[in-house]
């Protein structure tokens, strides 16, 4: 019985450590396409009704993930790279 209690205690401690480190249950959550688009619009000083032809795609590379966000407003084309976890603008360009 004592051995069984030690195993249960070990499993509970392990679950707590994994949960606290963000490794359990898939780690941190992505912000999603809608939030990435909103971050780009906020940065550009635009609202959703002011843009056309928008596209949001998740991309990954070298241990990081980001959303590629493209849209047009009038004759200007906007391109953004938004961090998939924090919503931080990593890159912005307009033509």
C-alpha atoms as a PDB file:
ATOM      1  CA  UNK A   1       0.000   0.000   0.000  1.00  0.00           C
ATOM      2  CA  UNK A   2       2.867   2.375   0.803  1.00  0.00           C
ATOM      3  CA  UNK A   3       4.376   1.749  -2.649  1.00  0.00           C
ATOM      4  CA  UNK A   4       1.027   2.562  -4.292  1.00  0.00           C
ATOM      5  CA  UNK A   5       0.839   5.921  -2.441  1.00  0.00           C
ATOM      6  CA  UNK A   6       4.367   6.793  -3.590  1.00  0.00           C
ATOM      7  CA  UNK A   7       3.418   6.116  -7.214  1.00  0.00           C
ATOM      8  CA  UNK A   8       0.290   8.278  -6.934  1.00  0.00           C
ATOM      9  CA  UNK A   9       2.310  11.086  -5.345  1.00  0.00           C
ATOM     10  CA  UNK A  10       4.933  10.858  -8.115  1.00  0.00           C
ATOM     11  CA  UNK A  11       2.274  11.013 -10.839  1.00  0.00           C
ATOM     12  CA  UNK A  12       0.611  14.037  -9.219  1.00  0.00           C
ATOM     13  CA  UNK A  13       3.915  15.911  -8.846  1.00  0.00           C
ATOM     14  CA  UNK A  14       4.857  15.101 -12.452  1.00  0.00           C
ATOM     15  CA  UNK A  15       1.504  16.367 -13.714  1.00  0.00           C
ATOM     16  CA  UNK A  16       1.905  19.572 -11.721  1.00  0.00           C
ATOM     17  CA  UNK A  17       5.422  20.192 -13.076  1.00  0.00           C
ATOM     18  CA  UNK A  18       4.380  19.561 -16.682  1.00  0.00           C
ATOM     19  CA  UNK A  19       1.334  21.779 -16.334  1.00  0.00           C
ATOM     20  CA  UNK A  20       3.330  24.642 -14.833  1.00  0.00           C
ATOM     21  CA  UNK A  21       5.963  24.441 -17.568  1.00  0.00           C
ATOM     22  CA  UNK A  22       3.390  24.691 -20.359  1.00  0.00           C
ATOM     23  CA  UNK A  23       4.346  21.290 -21.755  1.00  0.00           C
ATOM     24  CA  UNK A  24       1.158  19.552 -20.729  1.00  0.00           C
ATOM     25  CA  UNK A  25      -1.952  19.740 -22.849  1.00  0.00           C
ATOM     26  CA  UNK A  26      -0.210  21.202 -25.918  1.00  0.00           C
ATOM     27  CA  UNK A  27       1.614  24.199 -24.447  1.00  0.00           C
ATOM     28  CA  UNK A  28       0.713  27.812 -25.189  1.00  0.00           C
ATOM     29  CA  UNK A  29      -2.273  28.554 -27.417  1.00  0.00           C
ATOM     30  CA  UNK A  30      -2.139  30.434 -30.697  1.00  0.00           C
ATOM     31  CA  UNK A  31      -4.072  33.699 -30.893  1.00  0.00           C
ATOM     32  CA  UNK A  32      -6.013  32.621 -34.002  1.00  0.00           C
ATOM     33  CA  UNK A  33      -6.521  34.135 -37.436  1.00  0.00           C
ATOM     34  CA  UNK A  34      -9.113  36.703 -36.340  1.00  0.00           C
ATOM     35  CA  UNK A  35      -6.859  38.125 -33.619  1.00  0.00           C
ATOM     36  CA  UNK A  36      -3.895  38.225 -36.019  1.00  0.00           C
ATOM     37  CA  UNK A  37      -5.955  40.155 -38.561  1.00  0.00           C
ATOM     38  CA  UNK A  38      -7.137  42.561 -35.862  1.00  0.00           C
ATOM     39  CA  UNK A  39      -3.549  43.158 -34.684  1.00  0.00           C
ATOM     40  CA  UNK A  40      -2.519  44.040 -38.245  1.00  0.00           C
ATOM     41  CA  UNK A  41      -5.543  46.302 -38.753  1.00  0.00           C
ATOM     42  CA  UNK A  42      -4.852  48.094 -35.470  1.00  0.00           C
ATOM     43  CA  UNK A  43      -1.227  48.621 -36.485  1.00  0.00           C
ATOM     44  CA  UNK A  44      -2.319  50.006 -39.860  1.00  0.00           C
ATOM     45  CA  UNK A  45      -4.937  52.251 -38.231  1.00  0.00           C
ATOM     46  CA  UNK A  46      -7.735  50.649 -40.247  1.00  0.00           C
ATOM     47  CA  UNK A  47     -11.008  48.886 -39.540  1.00  0.00           C
ATOM     48  CA  UNK A  48     -12.296  45.706 -41.160  1.00  0.00           C
ATOM     49  CA  UNK A  49     -14.779  47.621 -43.325  1.00  0.00           C
ATOM     50  CA  UNK A  50     -11.914  49.650 -44.833  1.00  0.00           C
ATOM     51  CA  UNK A  51     -10.063  46.642 -46.276  1.00  0.00           C
ATOM     52  CA  UNK A  52     -10.594  44.201 -49.108  1.00  0.00           C
ATOM     53  CA  UNK A  53      -8.954  40.998 -50.336  1.00  0.00           C
ATOM     54  CA  UNK A  54      -7.636  40.000 -46.930  1.00  0.00           C
ATOM     55  CA  UNK A  55      -5.860  36.695 -46.375  1.00  0.00           C
ATOM     56  CA  UNK A  56      -4.503  35.213 -43.134  1.00  0.00           C
ATOM     57  CA  UNK A  57      -2.311  32.096 -43.145  1.00  0.00           C
ATOM     58  CA  UNK A  58      -0.429  30.347 -40.349  1.00  0.00           C
ATOM     59  CA  UNK A  59       3.261  29.771 -41.121  1.00  0.00           C
ATOM     60  CA  UNK A  60       6.028  28.037 -39.176  1.00  0.00           C
ATOM     61  CA  UNK A  61       9.790  27.915 -39.234  1.00  0.00           C
ATOM     62  CA  UNK A  62      12.876  27.581 -37.043  1.00  0.00           C
ATOM     63  CA  UNK A  63      10.969  26.969 -33.818  1.00  0.00           C
ATOM     64  CA  UNK A  64       8.469  29.802 -34.199  1.00  0.00           C
ATOM     65  CA  UNK A  65       5.007  30.333 -35.653  1.00  0.00           C
ATOM     66  CA  UNK A  66       3.424  33.424 -37.134  1.00  0.00           C
ATOM     67  CA  UNK A  67       0.491  34.555 -39.223  1.00  0.00           C
ATOM     68  CA  UNK A  68       1.040  36.093 -42.646  1.00  0.00           C
ATOM     69  CA  UNK A  69      -1.666  38.755 -42.971  1.00  0.00           C
ATOM     70  CA  UNK A  70      -2.282  40.500 -46.305  1.00  0.00           C
ATOM     71  CA  UNK A  71      -4.990  43.000 -47.221  1.00  0.00           C
ATOM     72  CA  UNK A  72      -5.706  46.028 -49.387  1.00  0.00           C
ATOM     73  CA  UNK A  73      -7.175  49.415 -48.574  1.00  0.00           C
ATOM     74  CA  UNK A  74      -7.771  51.670 -51.527  1.00  0.00           C
ATOM     75  CA  UNK A  75      -4.720  51.312 -53.759  1.00  0.00           C
ATOM     76  CA  UNK A  76      -2.391  50.321 -50.900  1.00  0.00           C
ATOM     77  CA  UNK A  77      -1.388  46.690 -50.258  1.00  0.00           C
ATOM     78  CA  UNK A  78      -0.441  45.769 -46.690  1.00  0.00           C
ATOM     79  CA  UNK A  79       1.637  42.782 -45.596  1.00  0.00           C
ATOM     80  CA  UNK A  80       2.116  41.757 -41.976  1.00  0.00           C
ATOM     81  CA  UNK A  81       3.798  39.004 -40.013  1.00  0.00           C
ATOM     82  CA  UNK A  82       2.137  38.572 -36.602  1.00  0.00           C
ATOM     83  CA  UNK A  83       3.515  36.316 -33.844  1.00  0.00           C
ATOM     84  CA  UNK A  84       1.113  33.374 -33.511  1.00  0.00           C
ATOM     85  CA  UNK A  85       1.295  33.307 -29.706  1.00  0.00           C
ATOM     86  CA  UNK A  86       1.723  36.922 -28.574  1.00  0.00           C
ATOM     87  CA  UNK A  87       0.094  38.931 -31.370  1.00  0.00           C
ATOM     88  CA  UNK A  88       3.239  41.062 -31.663  1.00  0.00           C
ATOM     89  CA  UNK A  89       3.831  42.632 -35.082  1.00  0.00           C
ATOM     90  CA  UNK A  90       7.043  41.056 -36.351  1.00  0.00           C
ATOM     91  CA  UNK A  91       7.103  42.665 -39.793  1.00  0.00           C
ATOM     92  CA  UNK A  92       5.012  45.208 -41.651  1.00  0.00           C
ATOM     93  CA  UNK A  93       5.196  46.520 -45.197  1.00  0.00           C
ATOM     94  CA  UNK A  94       2.953  48.378 -47.583  1.00  0.00           C
ATOM     95  CA  UNK A  95       3.058  49.116 -51.286  1.00  0.00           C
END
